[in-house]
Amino acid sequence: MRCVIARYPFDLTRTGVLASMKGVRPELVTGATVTIGRRRYPAKQVGQVITRQDPRDFTVGEVVRAMTRLGFTCHDRPRGTPVSKGAPALLPLATASALLGGTGPVAA
């Protein structure tokens, strides 16, 4: 599949991406991710490996778009981040207390 990343055309294939990412350890995930095999890689790391360009030269959107077209699963946020943006999560002690019917910890 032909795609453009950082204004350069690339002919990418699913098997080519799998081969390029084989043996590469995922970096710390902070934003958008791409699932390749059993691992989740930061989109910028995937773009850097497959294009051999500096990550500052392309956007996450370009990589995610190309990987989605190749059939890889892309995620907007890393695992474990909260989905809701409402009220802040209760502390574990307060949550346990509320489940047991208590009033929670008392502020001093």
PDB file of N, CA and C in Angstrom:
ATOM      1  N   MET A   1       0.838  -1.167   0.000  1.00  0.00           N
ATOM      2  CA  MET A   1       0.000   0.000   0.000  1.00  0.00           C
ATOM      3  C   MET A   1       0.890   1.239   0.000  1.00  0.00           C
ATOM      4  N   ARG A   2       0.558   2.155  -0.830  1.00  0.00           N
ATOM      5  CA  ARG A   2       1.316   3.398  -0.908  1.00  0.00           C
ATOM      6  C   ARG A   2       0.706   4.418   0.048  1.00  0.00           C
ATOM      7  N   CYS A   3       1.544   5.016   0.883  1.00  0.00           N
ATOM      8  CA  CYS A   3       1.067   6.058   1.802  1.00  0.00           C
ATOM      9  C   CYS A   3       2.141   7.135   1.909  1.00  0.00           C
ATOM     10  N   VAL A   4       1.722   8.289   2.376  1.00  0.00           N
ATOM     11  CA  VAL A   4       2.635   9.418   2.515  1.00  0.00           C
ATOM     12  C   VAL A   4       2.785   9.732   4.000  1.00  0.00           C
ATOM     13  N   ILE A   5       4.023   9.699   4.459  1.00  0.00           N
ATOM     14  CA  ILE A   5       4.343  10.056   5.838  1.00  0.00           C
ATOM     15  C   ILE A   5       5.452  11.086   5.779  1.00  0.00           C
ATOM     16  N   ALA A   6       5.229  12.216   6.394  1.00  0.00           N
ATOM     17  CA  ALA A   6       6.188  13.330   6.403  1.00  0.00           C
ATOM     18  C   ALA A   6       6.555  13.754   4.980  1.00  0.00           C
ATOM     19  N   ARG A   7       5.556  13.825   4.114  1.00  0.00           N
ATOM     20  CA  ARG A   7       5.683  14.261   2.725  1.00  0.00           C
ATOM     21  C   ARG A   7       6.519  13.317   1.852  1.00  0.00           C
ATOM     22  N   TYR A   8       6.833  12.113   2.342  1.00  0.00           N
ATOM     23  CA  TYR A   8       7.568  11.133   1.556  1.00  0.00           C
ATOM     24  C   TYR A   8       6.675   9.923   1.299  1.00  0.00           C
ATOM     25  N   PRO A   9       6.651   9.426   0.070  1.00  0.00           N
ATOM     26  CA  PRO A   9       5.831   8.240  -0.218  1.00  0.00           C
ATOM     27  C   PRO A   9       6.532   6.960   0.231  1.00  0.00           C
ATOM     28  N   PHE A  10       5.753   6.041   0.777  1.00  0.00           N
ATOM     29  CA  PHE A  10       6.259   4.745   1.215  1.00  0.00           C
ATOM     30  C   PHE A  10       5.336   3.662   0.687  1.00  0.00           C
ATOM     31  N   ASP A  11       5.909   2.553   0.263  1.00  0.00           N
ATOM     32  CA  ASP A  11       5.133   1.370  -0.111  1.00  0.00           C
ATOM     33  C   ASP A  11       5.218   0.397   1.059  1.00  0.00           C
ATOM     34  N   LEU A  12       4.176   0.364   1.873  1.00  0.00           N
ATOM     35  CA  LEU A  12       4.158  -0.460   3.073  1.00  0.00           C
ATOM     36  C   LEU A  12       3.262  -1.674   2.880  1.00  0.00           C
ATOM     37  N   THR A  13       3.663  -2.776   3.466  1.00  0.00           N
ATOM     38  CA  THR A  13       2.829  -3.973   3.499  1.00  0.00           C
ATOM     39  C   THR A  13       2.723  -4.426   4.948  1.00  0.00           C
ATOM     40  N   ARG A  14       1.682  -5.183   5.232  1.00  0.00           N
ATOM     41  CA  ARG A  14       1.483  -5.692   6.586  1.00  0.00           C
ATOM     42  C   ARG A  14       2.661  -6.575   7.001  1.00  0.00           C
ATOM     43  N   THR A  15       3.090  -7.462   6.117  1.00  0.00           N
ATOM     44  CA  THR A  15       4.206  -8.351   6.451  1.00  0.00           C
ATOM     45  C   THR A  15       5.517  -7.579   6.602  1.00  0.00           C
ATOM     46  N   GLY A  16       5.675  -6.522   5.827  1.00  0.00           N
ATOM     47  CA  GLY A  16       6.869  -5.692   5.951  1.00  0.00           C
ATOM     48  C   GLY A  16       6.936  -4.980   7.293  1.00  0.00           C
ATOM     49  N   VAL A  17       5.789  -4.485   7.751  1.00  0.00           N
ATOM     50  CA  VAL A  17       5.739  -3.821   9.056  1.00  0.00           C
ATOM     51  C   VAL A  17       6.015  -4.837  10.162  1.00  0.00           C
ATOM     52  N   LEU A  18       5.407  -6.024  10.063  1.00  0.00           N
ATOM     53  CA  LEU A  18       5.645  -7.067  11.064  1.00  0.00           C
ATOM     54  C   LEU A  18       7.128  -7.434  11.117  1.00  0.00           C
ATOM     55  N   ALA A  19       7.754  -7.558   9.960  1.00  0.00           N
ATOM     56  CA  ALA A  19       9.177  -7.895   9.917  1.00  0.00           C
ATOM     57  C   ALA A  19      10.036  -6.770  10.497  1.00  0.00           C
ATOM     58  N   SER A  20       9.673  -5.521  10.208  1.00  0.00           N
ATOM     59  CA  SER A  20      10.443  -4.382  10.721  1.00  0.00           C
ATOM     60  C   SER A  20      10.353  -4.274  12.239  1.00  0.00           C
ATOM     61  N   MET A  21       9.192  -4.595  12.795  1.00  0.00           N
ATOM     62  CA  MET A  21       8.985  -4.440  14.229  1.00  0.00           C
ATOM     63  C   MET A  21       9.410  -5.676  15.027  1.00  0.00           C
ATOM     64  N   LYS A  22       9.779  -6.743  14.343  1.00  0.00           N
ATOM     65  CA  LYS A  22      10.193  -7.970  15.031  1.00  0.00           C
ATOM     66  C   LYS A  22      11.463  -7.696  15.828  1.00  0.00           C
ATOM     67  N   GLY A  23      11.424  -8.036  17.101  1.00  0.00           N
ATOM     68  CA  GLY A  23      12.579  -7.842  17.973  1.00  0.00           C
ATOM     69  C   GLY A  23      12.706  -6.450  18.557  1.00  0.00           C
ATOM     70  N   VAL A  24      11.815  -5.532  18.220  1.00  0.00           N
ATOM     71  CA  VAL A  24      11.854  -4.169  18.748  1.00  0.00           C
ATOM     72  C   VAL A  24      11.053  -4.139  20.050  1.00  0.00           C
ATOM     73  N   ARG A  25      11.656  -3.634  21.107  1.00  0.00           N
ATOM     74  CA  ARG A  25      10.971  -3.533  22.390  1.00  0.00           C
ATOM     75  C   ARG A  25      10.179  -2.232  22.439  1.00  0.00           C
ATOM     76  N   PRO A  26       8.931  -2.287  22.913  1.00  0.00           N
ATOM     77  CA  PRO A  26       8.117  -1.068  22.993  1.00  0.00           C
ATOM     78  C   PRO A  26       8.690  -0.067  23.989  1.00  0.00           C
ATOM     79  N   GLU A  27       8.654   1.197  23.611  1.00  0.00           N
ATOM     80  CA  GLU A  27       9.062   2.272  24.512  1.00  0.00           C
ATOM     81  C   GLU A  27       7.902   2.577  25.456  1.00  0.00           C
ATOM     82  N   LEU A  28       8.113   3.495  26.370  1.00  0.00           N
ATOM     83  CA  LEU A  28       7.073   3.922  27.298  1.00  0.00           C
ATOM     84  C   LEU A  28       5.921   4.539  26.514  1.00  0.00           C
ATOM     85  N   VAL A  29       4.711   4.069  26.770  1.00  0.00           N
ATOM     86  CA  VAL A  29       3.533   4.521  26.038  1.00  0.00           C
ATOM     87  C   VAL A  29       2.935   5.733  26.741  1.00  0.00           C
ATOM     88  N   THR A  30       2.747   6.817  25.979  1.00  0.00           N
ATOM     89  CA  THR A  30       2.139   8.013  26.554  1.00  0.00           C
ATOM     90  C   THR A  30       0.952   8.507  25.746  1.00  0.00           C
ATOM     91  N   GLY A  31       0.840   8.126  24.514  1.00  0.00           N
ATOM     92  CA  GLY A  31      -0.240   8.619  23.665  1.00  0.00           C
ATOM     93  C   GLY A  31      -0.834   7.509  22.823  1.00  0.00           C
ATOM     94  N   ALA A  32      -1.028   7.788  21.559  1.00  0.00           N
ATOM     95  CA  ALA A  32      -1.626   6.824  20.639  1.00  0.00           C
ATOM     96  C   ALA A  32      -0.708   5.620  20.468  1.00  0.00           C
ATOM     97  N   THR A  33      -1.320   4.435  20.360  1.00  0.00           N
ATOM     98  CA  THR A  33      -0.557   3.208  20.226  1.00  0.00           C
ATOM     99  C   THR A  33      -1.042   2.383  19.046  1.00  0.00           C
ATOM    100  N   VAL A  34      -0.176   1.478  18.594  1.00  0.00           N
ATOM    101  CA  VAL A  34      -0.492   0.554  17.511  1.00  0.00           C
ATOM    102  C   VAL A  34      -0.197  -0.854  18.027  1.00  0.00           C
ATOM    103  N   THR A  35      -1.161  -1.756  17.890  1.00  0.00           N
ATOM    104  CA  THR A  35      -0.951  -3.142  18.289  1.00  0.00           C
ATOM    105  C   THR A  35      -0.374  -3.904  17.106  1.00  0.00           C
ATOM    106  N   ILE A  36       0.840  -4.412  17.289  1.00  0.00           N
ATOM    107  CA  ILE A  36       1.514  -5.191  16.258  1.00  0.00           C
ATOM    108  C   ILE A  36       1.908  -6.510  16.918  1.00  0.00           C
ATOM    109  N   GLY A  37       1.328  -7.584  16.433  1.00  0.00           N
ATOM    110  CA  GLY A  37       1.525  -8.874  17.084  1.00  0.00           C
ATOM    111  C   GLY A  37       0.809  -8.855  18.422  1.00  0.00           C
ATOM    112  N   ARG A  38       1.537  -9.137  19.487  1.00  0.00           N
ATOM    113  CA  ARG A  38       0.957  -9.112  20.829  1.00  0.00           C
ATOM    114  C   ARG A  38       1.365  -7.879  21.614  1.00  0.00           C
ATOM    115  N   ARG A  39       2.077  -6.984  21.000  1.00  0.00           N
ATOM    116  CA  ARG A  39       2.598  -5.817  21.712  1.00  0.00           C
ATOM    117  C   ARG A  39       1.940  -4.530  21.240  1.00  0.00           C
ATOM    118  N   ARG A  40       1.892  -3.563  22.161  1.00  0.00           N
ATOM    119  CA  ARG A  40       1.399  -2.229  21.823  1.00  0.00           C
ATOM    120  C   ARG A  40       2.593  -1.276  21.805  1.00  0.00           C
ATOM    121  N   TYR A  41       2.794  -0.662  20.660  1.00  0.00           N
ATOM    122  CA  TYR A  41       3.904   0.259  20.472  1.00  0.00           C
ATOM    123  C   TYR A  41       3.374   1.688  20.368  1.00  0.00           C
ATOM    124  N   PRO A  42       4.135   2.666  20.860  1.00  0.00           N
ATOM    125  CA  PRO A  42       3.764   4.056  20.597  1.00  0.00           C
ATOM    126  C   PRO A  42       3.786   4.307  19.090  1.00  0.00           C
ATOM    127  N   ALA A  43       2.816   5.052  18.595  1.00  0.00           N
ATOM    128  CA  ALA A  43       2.716   5.302  17.157  1.00  0.00           C
ATOM    129  C   ALA A  43       3.985   5.971  16.621  1.00  0.00           C
ATOM    130  N   LYS A  44       4.567   6.860  17.389  1.00  0.00           N
ATOM    131  CA  LYS A  44       5.791   7.536  16.942  1.00  0.00           C
ATOM    132  C   LYS A  44       6.943   6.544  16.779  1.00  0.00           C
ATOM    133  N   GLN A  45       7.040   5.557  17.673  1.00  0.00           N
ATOM    134  CA  GLN A  45       8.096   4.556  17.564  1.00  0.00           C
ATOM    135  C   GLN A  45       7.909   3.712  16.306  1.00  0.00           C
ATOM    136  N   VAL A  46       6.667   3.326  16.025  1.00  0.00           N
ATOM    137  CA  VAL A  46       6.387   2.548  14.815  1.00  0.00           C
ATOM    138  C   VAL A  46       6.779   3.356  13.583  1.00  0.00           C
ATOM    139  N   GLY A  47       6.383   4.621  13.545  1.00  0.00           N
ATOM    140  CA  GLY A  47       6.728   5.474  12.410  1.00  0.00           C
ATOM    141  C   GLY A  47       8.225   5.629  12.238  1.00  0.00           C
ATOM    142  N   GLN A  48       8.937   5.750  13.343  1.00  0.00           N
ATOM    143  CA  GLN A  48      10.383   5.896  13.281  1.00  0.00           C
ATOM    144  C   GLN A  48      11.042   4.636  12.723  1.00  0.00           C
ATOM    145  N   VAL A  49      10.573   3.463  13.145  1.00  0.00           N
ATOM    146  CA  VAL A  49      11.175   2.212  12.690  1.00  0.00           C
ATOM    147  C   VAL A  49      10.874   1.956  11.217  1.00  0.00           C
ATOM    148  N   ILE A  50       9.620   2.141  10.799  1.00  0.00           N
ATOM    149  CA  ILE A  50       9.274   1.780   9.423  1.00  0.00           C
ATOM    150  C   ILE A  50       9.714   2.804   8.395  1.00  0.00           C
ATOM    151  N   THR A  51       9.856   4.081   8.795  1.00  0.00           N
ATOM    152  CA  THR A  51      10.268   5.107   7.833  1.00  0.00           C
ATOM    153  C   THR A  51      11.741   5.488   7.956  1.00  0.00           C
ATOM    154  N   ARG A  52      12.364   5.126   9.074  1.00  0.00           N
ATOM    155  CA  ARG A  52      13.752   5.503   9.370  1.00  0.00           C
ATOM    156  C   ARG A  52      13.925   7.024   9.391  1.00  0.00           C
ATOM    157  N   GLN A  53      12.875   7.712   9.831  1.00  0.00           N
ATOM    158  CA  GLN A  53      12.932   9.168   9.935  1.00  0.00           C
ATOM    159  C   GLN A  53      12.887   9.579  11.401  1.00  0.00           C
ATOM    160  N   ASP A  54      13.271  10.808  11.654  1.00  0.00           N
ATOM    161  CA  ASP A  54      13.182  11.360  12.993  1.00  0.00           C
ATOM    162  C   ASP A  54      11.703  11.504  13.360  1.00  0.00           C
ATOM    163  N   PRO A  55      11.304  11.134  14.574  1.00  0.00           N
ATOM    164  CA  PRO A  55       9.897  11.224  14.959  1.00  0.00           C
ATOM    165  C   PRO A  55       9.322  12.638  14.909  1.00  0.00           C
ATOM    166  N   ARG A  56      10.179  13.640  14.923  1.00  0.00           N
ATOM    167  CA  ARG A  56       9.689  15.021  14.853  1.00  0.00           C
ATOM    168  C   ARG A  56       9.253  15.401  13.443  1.00  0.00           C
ATOM    169  N   ASP A  57       9.596  14.562  12.445  1.00  0.00           N
ATOM    170  CA  ASP A  57       9.282  14.871  11.056  1.00  0.00           C
ATOM    171  C   ASP A  57       7.863  14.478  10.635  1.00  0.00           C
ATOM    172  N   PHE A  58       7.199  13.648  11.426  1.00  0.00           N
ATOM    173  CA  PHE A  58       5.854  13.195  11.050  1.00  0.00           C
ATOM    174  C   PHE A  58       4.926  13.270  12.257  1.00  0.00           C
ATOM    175  N   THR A  59       3.634  13.179  11.990  1.00  0.00           N
ATOM    176  CA  THR A  59       2.651  13.250  13.057  1.00  0.00           C
ATOM    177  C   THR A  59       2.139  11.859  13.409  1.00  0.00           C
ATOM    178  N   VAL A  60       1.565  11.757  14.595  1.00  0.00           N
ATOM    179  CA  VAL A  60       0.953  10.510  15.040  1.00  0.00           C
ATOM    180  C   VAL A  60      -0.190  10.137  14.098  1.00  0.00           C
ATOM    181  N   GLY A  61      -0.938  11.126  13.647  1.00  0.00           N
ATOM    182  CA  GLY A  61      -2.074  10.888  12.763  1.00  0.00           C
ATOM    183  C   GLY A  61      -1.680  10.209  11.466  1.00  0.00           C
ATOM    184  N   GLU A  62      -0.540  10.607  10.904  1.00  0.00           N
ATOM    185  CA  GLU A  62      -0.077   9.978   9.666  1.00  0.00           C
ATOM    186  C   GLU A  62       0.218   8.499   9.869  1.00  0.00           C
ATOM    187  N   VAL A  63       0.861   8.172  10.982  1.00  0.00           N
ATOM    188  CA  VAL A  63       1.208   6.774  11.264  1.00  0.00           C
ATOM    189  C   VAL A  63      -0.043   5.964  11.557  1.00  0.00           C
ATOM    190  N   VAL A  64      -0.929   6.506  12.387  1.00  0.00           N
ATOM    191  CA  VAL A  64      -2.163   5.799  12.745  1.00  0.00           C
ATOM    192  C   VAL A  64      -3.004   5.544  11.496  1.00  0.00           C
ATOM    193  N   ARG A  65      -3.098   6.523  10.630  1.00  0.00           N
ATOM    194  CA  ARG A  65      -3.866   6.366   9.390  1.00  0.00           C
ATOM    195  C   ARG A  65      -3.292   5.253   8.525  1.00  0.00           C
ATOM    196  N   ALA A  66      -1.973   5.222   8.377  1.00  0.00           N
ATOM    197  CA  ALA A  66      -1.331   4.193   7.555  1.00  0.00           C
ATOM    198  C   ALA A  66      -1.480   2.808   8.182  1.00  0.00           C
ATOM    199  N   MET A  67      -1.294   2.707   9.503  1.00  0.00           N
ATOM    200  CA  MET A  67      -1.388   1.408  10.171  1.00  0.00           C
ATOM    201  C   MET A  67      -2.825   0.882  10.163  1.00  0.00           C
ATOM    202  N   THR A  68      -3.791   1.772  10.266  1.00  0.00           N
ATOM    203  CA  THR A  68      -5.197   1.359  10.196  1.00  0.00           C
ATOM    204  C   THR A  68      -5.513   0.818   8.811  1.00  0.00           C
ATOM    205  N   ARG A  69      -5.017   1.478   7.779  1.00  0.00           N
ATOM    206  CA  ARG A  69      -5.256   0.998   6.409  1.00  0.00           C
ATOM    207  C   ARG A  69      -4.598  -0.350   6.156  1.00  0.00           C
ATOM    208  N   LEU A  70      -3.522  -0.654   6.888  1.00  0.00           N
ATOM    209  CA  LEU A  70      -2.853  -1.949   6.752  1.00  0.00           C
ATOM    210  C   LEU A  70      -3.529  -3.037   7.594  1.00  0.00           C
ATOM    211  N   GLY A  71      -4.489  -2.648   8.422  1.00  0.00           N
ATOM    212  CA  GLY A  71      -5.229  -3.631   9.209  1.00  0.00           C
ATOM    213  C   GLY A  71      -4.764  -3.791  10.639  1.00  0.00           C
ATOM    214  N   PHE A  72      -3.867  -2.931  11.118  1.00  0.00           N
ATOM    215  CA  PHE A  72      -3.435  -2.992  12.508  1.00  0.00           C
ATOM    216  C   PHE A  72      -4.427  -2.235  13.382  1.00  0.00           C
ATOM    217  N   THR A  73      -4.530  -2.656  14.637  1.00  0.00           N
ATOM    218  CA  THR A  73      -5.422  -1.986  15.583  1.00  0.00           C
ATOM    219  C   THR A  73      -4.690  -0.817  16.211  1.00  0.00           C
ATOM    220  N   CYS A  74      -5.316   0.360  16.159  1.00  0.00           N
ATOM    221  CA  CYS A  74      -4.731   1.557  16.752  1.00  0.00           C
ATOM    222  C   CYS A  74      -5.617   2.030  17.898  1.00  0.00           C
ATOM    223  N   HIS A  75      -4.989   2.596  18.926  1.00  0.00           N
ATOM    224  CA  HIS A  75      -5.689   3.054  20.117  1.00  0.00           C
ATOM    225  C   HIS A  75      -5.343   4.522  20.353  1.00  0.00           C
ATOM    226  N   ASP A  76      -6.336   5.286  20.813  1.00  0.00           N
ATOM    227  CA  ASP A  76      -6.126   6.708  21.076  1.00  0.00           C
ATOM    228  C   ASP A  76      -5.357   6.968  22.359  1.00  0.00           C
ATOM    229  N   ARG A  77      -5.505   6.086  23.328  1.00  0.00           N
ATOM    230  CA  ARG A  77      -4.890   6.322  24.628  1.00  0.00           C
ATOM    231  C   ARG A  77      -4.275   5.029  25.129  1.00  0.00           C
ATOM    232  N   PRO A  78      -3.297   5.109  26.022  1.00  0.00           N
ATOM    233  CA  PRO A  78      -2.693   3.894  26.558  1.00  0.00           C
ATOM    234  C   PRO A  78      -3.636   3.141  27.476  1.00  0.00           C
ATOM    235  N   ARG A  79      -3.329   1.873  27.713  1.00  0.00           N
ATOM    236  CA  ARG A  79      -4.116   1.048  28.625  1.00  0.00           C
ATOM    237  C   ARG A  79      -4.097   1.634  30.021  1.00  0.00           C
ATOM    238  N   GLY A  80      -5.214   1.496  30.715  1.00  0.00           N
ATOM    239  CA  GLY A  80      -5.271   1.891  32.113  1.00  0.00           C
ATOM    240  C   GLY A  80      -5.615   3.346  32.352  1.00  0.00           C
ATOM    241  N   THR A  81      -5.761   4.144  31.316  1.00  0.00           N
ATOM    242  CA  THR A  81      -6.143   5.528  31.544  1.00  0.00           C
ATOM    243  C   THR A  81      -7.657   5.609  31.631  1.00  0.00           C
ATOM    244  N   PRO A  82      -8.165   6.455  32.501  1.00  0.00           N
ATOM    245  CA  PRO A  82      -9.615   6.530  32.671  1.00  0.00           C
ATOM    246  C   PRO A  82     -10.311   7.073  31.430  1.00  0.00           C
ATOM    247  N   VAL A  83     -11.493   6.559  31.167  1.00  0.00           N
ATOM    248  CA  VAL A  83     -12.262   6.984  30.007  1.00  0.00           C
ATOM    249  C   VAL A  83     -13.053   8.245  30.321  1.00  0.00           C
ATOM    250  N   SER A  84     -13.680   8.273  31.495  1.00  0.00           N
ATOM    251  CA  SER A  84     -14.531   9.413  31.838  1.00  0.00           C
ATOM    252  C   SER A  84     -13.691  10.600  32.260  1.00  0.00           C
ATOM    253  N   LYS A  85     -14.200  11.777  31.942  1.00  0.00           N
ATOM    254  CA  LYS A  85     -13.510  13.003  32.318  1.00  0.00           C
ATOM    255  C   LYS A  85     -14.334  13.773  33.331  1.00  0.00           C
ATOM    256  N   GLY A  86     -15.222  13.065  34.014  1.00  0.00           N
ATOM    257  CA  GLY A  86     -16.104  13.680  35.002  1.00  0.00           C
ATOM    258  C   GLY A  86     -15.384  13.929  36.308  1.00  0.00           C
ATOM    259  N   ALA A  87     -16.031  13.563  37.415  1.00  0.00           N
ATOM    260  CA  ALA A  87     -15.473  13.766  38.745  1.00  0.00           C
ATOM    261  C   ALA A  87     -14.213  12.925  38.925  1.00  0.00           C
ATOM    262  N   PRO A  88     -13.275  13.409  39.734  1.00  0.00           N
ATOM    263  CA  PRO A  88     -12.067  12.629  39.955  1.00  0.00           C
ATOM    264  C   PRO A  88     -12.393  11.316  40.649  1.00  0.00           C
ATOM    265  N   ALA A  89     -11.584  10.310  40.378  1.00  0.00           N
ATOM    266  CA  ALA A  89     -11.812   8.988  40.961  1.00  0.00           C
ATOM    267  C   ALA A  89     -11.622   9.039  42.463  1.00  0.00           C
ATOM    268  N   LEU A  90     -12.429   8.262  43.165  1.00  0.00           N
ATOM    269  CA  LEU A  90     -12.301   8.182  44.611  1.00  0.00           C
ATOM    270  C   LEU A  90     -11.030   7.436  44.977  1.00  0.00           C
ATOM    271  N   LEU A  91     -10.504   7.766  46.115  1.00  0.00           N
ATOM    272  CA  LEU A  91      -9.353   7.029  46.608  1.00  0.00           C
ATOM    273  C   LEU A  91      -9.775   5.601  46.915  1.00  0.00           C
ATOM    274  N   PRO A  92      -8.858   4.648  46.860  1.00  0.00           N
ATOM    275  CA  PRO A  92      -9.225   3.257  47.130  1.00  0.00           C
ATOM    276  C   PRO A  92      -9.881   3.063  48.494  1.00  0.00           C
ATOM    277  N   LEU A  93      -9.398   3.749  49.542  1.00  0.00           N
ATOM    278  CA  LEU A  93      -9.980   3.623  50.872  1.00  0.00           C
ATOM    279  C   LEU A  93     -11.404   4.163  50.888  1.00  0.00           C
ATOM    280  N   ALA A  94     -11.626   5.300  50.236  1.00  0.00           N
ATOM    281  CA  ALA A  94     -12.960   5.883  50.182  1.00  0.00           C
ATOM    282  C   ALA A  94     -13.912   4.996  49.383  1.00  0.00           C
ATOM    283  N   THR A  95     -13.421   4.400  48.309  1.00  0.00           N
ATOM    284  CA  THR A  95     -14.249   3.500  47.505  1.00  0.00           C
ATOM    285  C   THR A  95     -14.657   2.281  48.312  1.00  0.00           C
ATOM    286  N   ALA A  96     -13.680   1.673  49.008  1.00  0.00           N
ATOM    287  CA  ALA A  96     -13.989   0.505  49.833  1.00  0.00           C
ATOM    288  C   ALA A  96     -14.971   0.869  50.930  1.00  0.00           C
ATOM    289  N   SER A  97     -14.785   2.003  51.554  1.00  0.00           N
ATOM    290  CA  SER A  97     -15.684   2.439  52.619  1.00  0.00           C
ATOM    291  C   SER A  97     -17.094   2.655  52.088  1.00  0.00           C
ATOM    292  N   ALA A  98     -17.205   3.259  50.913  1.00  0.00           N
ATOM    293  CA  ALA A  98     -18.516   3.504  50.332  1.00  0.00           C
ATOM    294  C   ALA A  98     -19.212   2.188  49.980  1.00  0.00           C
ATOM    295  N   LEU A  99     -18.467   1.201  49.504  1.00  0.00           N
ATOM    296  CA  LEU A  99     -19.053  -0.098  49.179  1.00  0.00           C
ATOM    297  C   LEU A  99     -19.554  -0.824  50.417  1.00  0.00           C
ATOM    298  N   LEU A 100     -18.907  -0.574  51.557  1.00  0.00           N
ATOM    299  CA  LEU A 100     -19.303  -1.218  52.809  1.00  0.00           C
ATOM    300  C   LEU A 100     -20.374  -0.417  53.543  1.00  0.00           C
ATOM    301  N   GLY A 101     -20.798   0.697  52.985  1.00  0.00           N
ATOM    302  CA  GLY A 101     -21.862   1.499  53.590  1.00  0.00           C
ATOM    303  C   GLY A 101     -21.368   2.536  54.575  1.00  0.00           C
ATOM    304  N   GLY A 102     -20.084   2.770  54.635  1.00  0.00           N
ATOM    305  CA  GLY A 102     -19.546   3.775  55.536  1.00  0.00           C
ATOM    306  C   GLY A 102     -19.561   5.161  54.933  1.00  0.00           C
ATOM    307  N   THR A 103     -19.083   6.110  55.678  1.00  0.00           N
ATOM    308  CA  THR A 103     -19.070   7.487  55.193  1.00  0.00           C
ATOM    309  C   THR A 103     -17.729   7.871  54.609  1.00  0.00           C
ATOM    310  N   GLY A 104     -16.748   7.001  54.704  1.00  0.00           N
ATOM    311  CA  GLY A 104     -15.422   7.305  54.165  1.00  0.00           C
ATOM    312  C   GLY A 104     -14.548   7.918  55.223  1.00  0.00           C
ATOM    313  N   PRO A 105     -13.320   8.235  54.877  1.00  0.00           N
ATOM    314  CA  PRO A 105     -12.381   8.819  55.837  1.00  0.00           C
ATOM    315  C   PRO A 105     -12.832  10.205  56.249  1.00  0.00           C
ATOM    316  N   VAL A 106     -12.559  10.531  57.474  1.00  0.00           N
ATOM    317  CA  VAL A 106     -12.934  11.832  58.024  1.00  0.00           C
ATOM    318  C   VAL A 106     -11.780  12.790  57.874  1.00  0.00           C
ATOM    319  N   ALA A 107     -12.057  13.962  57.318  1.00  0.00           N
ATOM    320  CA  ALA A 107     -11.004  14.967  57.132  1.00  0.00           C
ATOM    321  C   ALA A 107     -10.676  15.603  58.473  1.00  0.00           C
ATOM    322  N   ALA A 108      -9.395  15.877  58.713  1.00  0.00           N
ATOM    323  CA  ALA A 108      -8.969  16.453  59.985  1.00  0.00           C
ATOM    324  C   ALA A 108      -9.132  17.944  59.990  1.00  0.00           C
TER     325      ALA A 108
END
